Amino acid sequence: MKIITNAGGVACGRIYNIGNPTNDLSIRKLASMMLALAAEYAEYRDNAAKVRFVETTANAYHSPGYQGVRSRVPKIADTMRELDWAPRIDMASALRRIFDAYRKHVVDAHGLPE
């Protein structure tokens, strides 16, 4: 919101990284967390139980010339200093909030059982 309100024009012409550097997870770890969380929700549980991970290499999955990055950690020093902002939510909490928000949206729209 501080970027959007742009008090004093601090964000004009600036690019800010937003994220929590402590949330440095592999795609597999993130997928595992999401799958475990999905198993806690009745409407996702059955499908979550069917999911199987497939091991592959980056070279086998991507086209030739792809340059993957092993770790994507946001550098937030400018964001913290210029916007007086700091991350407060870890990945597990963020995922639960996303699941709950989506669940509420789906339940409200379709009347699915909670």
C-alpha atoms as a PDB file:
ATOM      1  CA  MET A   1       0.000   0.000   0.000  1.00  0.00           C
ATOM      2  CA  LYS A   2       2.928   2.341   0.640  1.00  0.00           C
ATOM      3  CA  ILE A   3       3.994   1.990  -2.988  1.00  0.00           C
ATOM      4  CA  ILE A   4       0.467   2.695  -4.203  1.00  0.00           C
ATOM      5  CA  THR A   5      -0.075   5.727  -1.958  1.00  0.00           C
ATOM      6  CA  ASN A   6       3.463   6.908  -2.817  1.00  0.00           C
ATOM      7  CA  ALA A   7       3.684   9.472  -0.010  1.00  0.00           C
ATOM      8  CA  GLY A   8       6.210  12.155  -0.903  1.00  0.00           C
ATOM      9  CA  GLY A   9       6.795  10.521  -4.282  1.00  0.00           C
ATOM     10  CA  VAL A  10       9.217   8.023  -2.714  1.00  0.00           C
ATOM     11  CA  ALA A  11       8.222   5.227  -5.119  1.00  0.00           C
ATOM     12  CA  CYS A  12       8.354   7.285  -8.339  1.00  0.00           C
ATOM     13  CA  GLY A  13      10.594   5.586 -10.864  1.00  0.00           C
ATOM     14  CA  ARG A  14      11.598   2.913  -8.346  1.00  0.00           C
ATOM     15  CA  ILE A  15      11.352  -0.849  -8.475  1.00  0.00           C
ATOM     16  CA  TYR A  16      10.901  -2.650  -5.168  1.00  0.00           C
ATOM     17  CA  ASN A  17      11.329  -6.291  -4.318  1.00  0.00           C
ATOM     18  CA  ILE A  18       8.598  -7.495  -2.000  1.00  0.00           C
ATOM     19  CA  GLY A  19       8.999 -10.781  -0.207  1.00  0.00           C
ATOM     20  CA  ASN A  20      10.427 -12.522   2.792  1.00  0.00           C
ATOM     21  CA  PRO A  21      14.044 -13.636   2.303  1.00  0.00           C
ATOM     22  CA  THR A  22      13.528 -16.352   4.916  1.00  0.00           C
ATOM     23  CA  ASN A  23      11.035 -18.004   2.557  1.00  0.00           C
ATOM     24  CA  ASP A  24      13.843 -19.427   0.409  1.00  0.00           C
ATOM     25  CA  LEU A  25      12.328 -22.768  -0.603  1.00  0.00           C
ATOM     26  CA  SER A  26      12.825 -25.190  -3.433  1.00  0.00           C
ATOM     27  CA  ILE A  27       9.860 -25.751  -5.729  1.00  0.00           C
ATOM     28  CA  ARG A  28       9.613 -29.277  -4.329  1.00  0.00           C
ATOM     29  CA  LYS A  29       9.488 -27.998  -0.734  1.00  0.00           C
ATOM     30  CA  LEU A  30       6.850 -25.401  -1.653  1.00  0.00           C
ATOM     31  CA  ALA A  31       4.792 -28.034  -3.477  1.00  0.00           C
ATOM     32  CA  SER A  32       5.100 -30.375  -0.490  1.00  0.00           C
ATOM     33  CA  MET A  33       3.889 -27.647   1.852  1.00  0.00           C
ATOM     34  CA  MET A  34       0.933 -26.887  -0.425  1.00  0.00           C
ATOM     35  CA  LEU A  35       0.049 -30.553  -0.750  1.00  0.00           C
ATOM     36  CA  ALA A  36       0.142 -31.102   3.019  1.00  0.00           C
ATOM     37  CA  LEU A  37      -2.023 -28.040   3.513  1.00  0.00           C
ATOM     38  CA  ALA A  38      -4.482 -29.149   0.821  1.00  0.00           C
ATOM     39  CA  ALA A  39      -4.912 -32.444   2.670  1.00  0.00           C
ATOM     40  CA  GLU A  40      -6.281 -30.472   5.634  1.00  0.00           C
ATOM     41  CA  TYR A  41      -9.200 -29.100   3.596  1.00  0.00           C
ATOM     42  CA  ALA A  42     -12.137 -31.419   2.886  1.00  0.00           C
ATOM     43  CA  GLU A  43     -12.686 -30.062  -0.627  1.00  0.00           C
ATOM     44  CA  TYR A  44      -9.050 -30.677  -1.647  1.00  0.00           C
ATOM     45  CA  ARG A  45      -8.212 -33.783   0.382  1.00  0.00           C
ATOM     46  CA  ASP A  46      -9.175 -36.451  -2.184  1.00  0.00           C
ATOM     47  CA  ASN A  47      -7.323 -34.800  -5.045  1.00  0.00           C
ATOM     48  CA  ALA A  48      -4.304 -34.070  -2.847  1.00  0.00           C
ATOM     49  CA  ALA A  49      -4.067 -37.777  -2.036  1.00  0.00           C
ATOM     50  CA  LYS A  50      -3.729 -38.549  -5.768  1.00  0.00           C
ATOM     51  CA  VAL A  51      -0.750 -36.242  -6.333  1.00  0.00           C
ATOM     52  CA  ARG A  52       2.624 -37.843  -6.950  1.00  0.00           C
ATOM     53  CA  PHE A  53       5.872 -35.989  -7.439  1.00  0.00           C
ATOM     54  CA  VAL A  54       7.967 -36.774 -10.487  1.00  0.00           C
ATOM     55  CA  GLU A  55      11.719 -36.304 -10.238  1.00  0.00           C
ATOM     56  CA  THR A  56      13.388 -34.759 -13.258  1.00  0.00           C
ATOM     57  CA  THR A  57      16.339 -32.560 -14.081  1.00  0.00           C
ATOM     58  CA  ALA A  58      16.217 -28.989 -15.304  1.00  0.00           C
ATOM     59  CA  ASN A  59      17.852 -30.067 -18.560  1.00  0.00           C
ATOM     60  CA  ALA A  60      15.208 -32.725 -19.182  1.00  0.00           C
ATOM     61  CA  TYR A  61      12.331 -30.388 -18.376  1.00  0.00           C
ATOM     62  CA  HIS A  62      13.383 -27.116 -20.010  1.00  0.00           C
ATOM     63  CA  SER A  63      14.351 -26.317 -23.548  1.00  0.00           C
ATOM     64  CA  PRO A  64      18.027 -26.004 -24.471  1.00  0.00           C
ATOM     65  CA  GLY A  65      19.586 -22.757 -23.333  1.00  0.00           C
ATOM     66  CA  TYR A  66      17.388 -22.349 -20.258  1.00  0.00           C
ATOM     67  CA  GLN A  67      19.340 -20.839 -17.389  1.00  0.00           C
ATOM     68  CA  GLY A  68      17.677 -21.677 -14.109  1.00  0.00           C
ATOM     69  CA  VAL A  69      18.335 -19.918 -10.844  1.00  0.00           C
ATOM     70  CA  ARG A  70      18.892 -22.171  -7.839  1.00  0.00           C
ATOM     71  CA  SER A  71      17.657 -19.651  -5.329  1.00  0.00           C
ATOM     72  CA  ARG A  72      15.376 -16.642  -5.654  1.00  0.00           C
ATOM     73  CA  VAL A  73      15.750 -14.535  -2.539  1.00  0.00           C
ATOM     74  CA  PRO A  74      14.422 -10.995  -2.773  1.00  0.00           C
ATOM     75  CA  LYS A  75      16.853  -8.247  -1.872  1.00  0.00           C
ATOM     76  CA  ILE A  76      14.653  -5.992   0.209  1.00  0.00           C
ATOM     77  CA  ALA A  77      17.113  -3.526   1.778  1.00  0.00           C
ATOM     78  CA  ASP A  78      15.836  -0.606  -0.364  1.00  0.00           C
ATOM     79  CA  THR A  79      12.233  -1.598   0.272  1.00  0.00           C
ATOM     80  CA  MET A  80      12.804  -1.727   4.008  1.00  0.00           C
ATOM     81  CA  ARG A  81      14.736   1.545   4.137  1.00  0.00           C
ATOM     82  CA  GLU A  82      12.717   3.668   1.721  1.00  0.00           C
ATOM     83  CA  LEU A  83       9.255   2.380   2.595  1.00  0.00           C
ATOM     84  CA  ASP A  84       9.841   1.539   6.255  1.00  0.00           C
ATOM     85  CA  TRP A  85       8.553  -1.946   5.515  1.00  0.00           C
ATOM     86  CA  ALA A  86       9.577  -5.372   6.738  1.00  0.00           C
ATOM     87  CA  PRO A  87       8.145  -8.827   6.038  1.00  0.00           C
ATOM     88  CA  ARG A  88       6.061 -10.281   8.859  1.00  0.00           C
ATOM     89  CA  ILE A  89       4.642 -13.484   7.412  1.00  0.00           C
ATOM     90  CA  ASP A  90       6.408 -16.790   6.919  1.00  0.00           C
ATOM     91  CA  MET A  91       5.591 -19.091   4.017  1.00  0.00           C
ATOM     92  CA  ALA A  92       3.413 -21.501   6.007  1.00  0.00           C
ATOM     93  CA  SER A  93       1.224 -18.632   7.219  1.00  0.00           C
ATOM     94  CA  ALA A  94       1.082 -17.049   3.765  1.00  0.00           C
ATOM     95  CA  LEU A  95      -0.022 -20.320   2.174  1.00  0.00           C
ATOM     96  CA  ARG A  96      -2.705 -20.873   4.802  1.00  0.00           C
ATOM     97  CA  ARG A  97      -4.032 -17.343   4.203  1.00  0.00           C
ATOM     98  CA  ILE A  98      -4.142 -18.001   0.454  1.00  0.00           C
ATOM     99  CA  PHE A  99      -5.947 -21.326   0.902  1.00  0.00           C
ATOM    100  CA  ASP A 100      -8.427 -19.777   3.334  1.00  0.00           C
ATOM    101  CA  ALA A 101      -9.118 -16.784   1.093  1.00  0.00           C
ATOM    102  CA  TYR A 102      -9.617 -18.992  -1.954  1.00  0.00           C
ATOM    103  CA  ARG A 103     -11.758 -21.381   0.047  1.00  0.00           C
ATOM    104  CA  LYS A 104     -13.976 -18.554   1.234  1.00  0.00           C
ATOM    105  CA  HIS A 105     -14.295 -17.304  -2.345  1.00  0.00           C
ATOM    106  CA  VAL A 106     -15.233 -20.755  -3.675  1.00  0.00           C
ATOM    107  CA  VAL A 107     -17.556 -21.542  -0.779  1.00  0.00           C
ATOM    108  CA  ASP A 108     -19.292 -18.180  -1.097  1.00  0.00           C
ATOM    109  CA  ALA A 109     -19.633 -18.515  -4.871  1.00  0.00           C
ATOM    110  CA  HIS A 110     -20.613 -22.183  -5.062  1.00  0.00           C
ATOM    111  CA  GLY A 111     -21.876 -23.110  -1.628  1.00  0.00           C
ATOM    112  CA  LEU A 112     -19.374 -25.929  -1.177  1.00  0.00           C
ATOM    113  CA  PRO A 113     -19.408 -27.567   2.246  1.00  0.00           C
ATOM    114  CA  GLU A 114     -16.933 -26.275   4.777  1.00  0.00           C
END
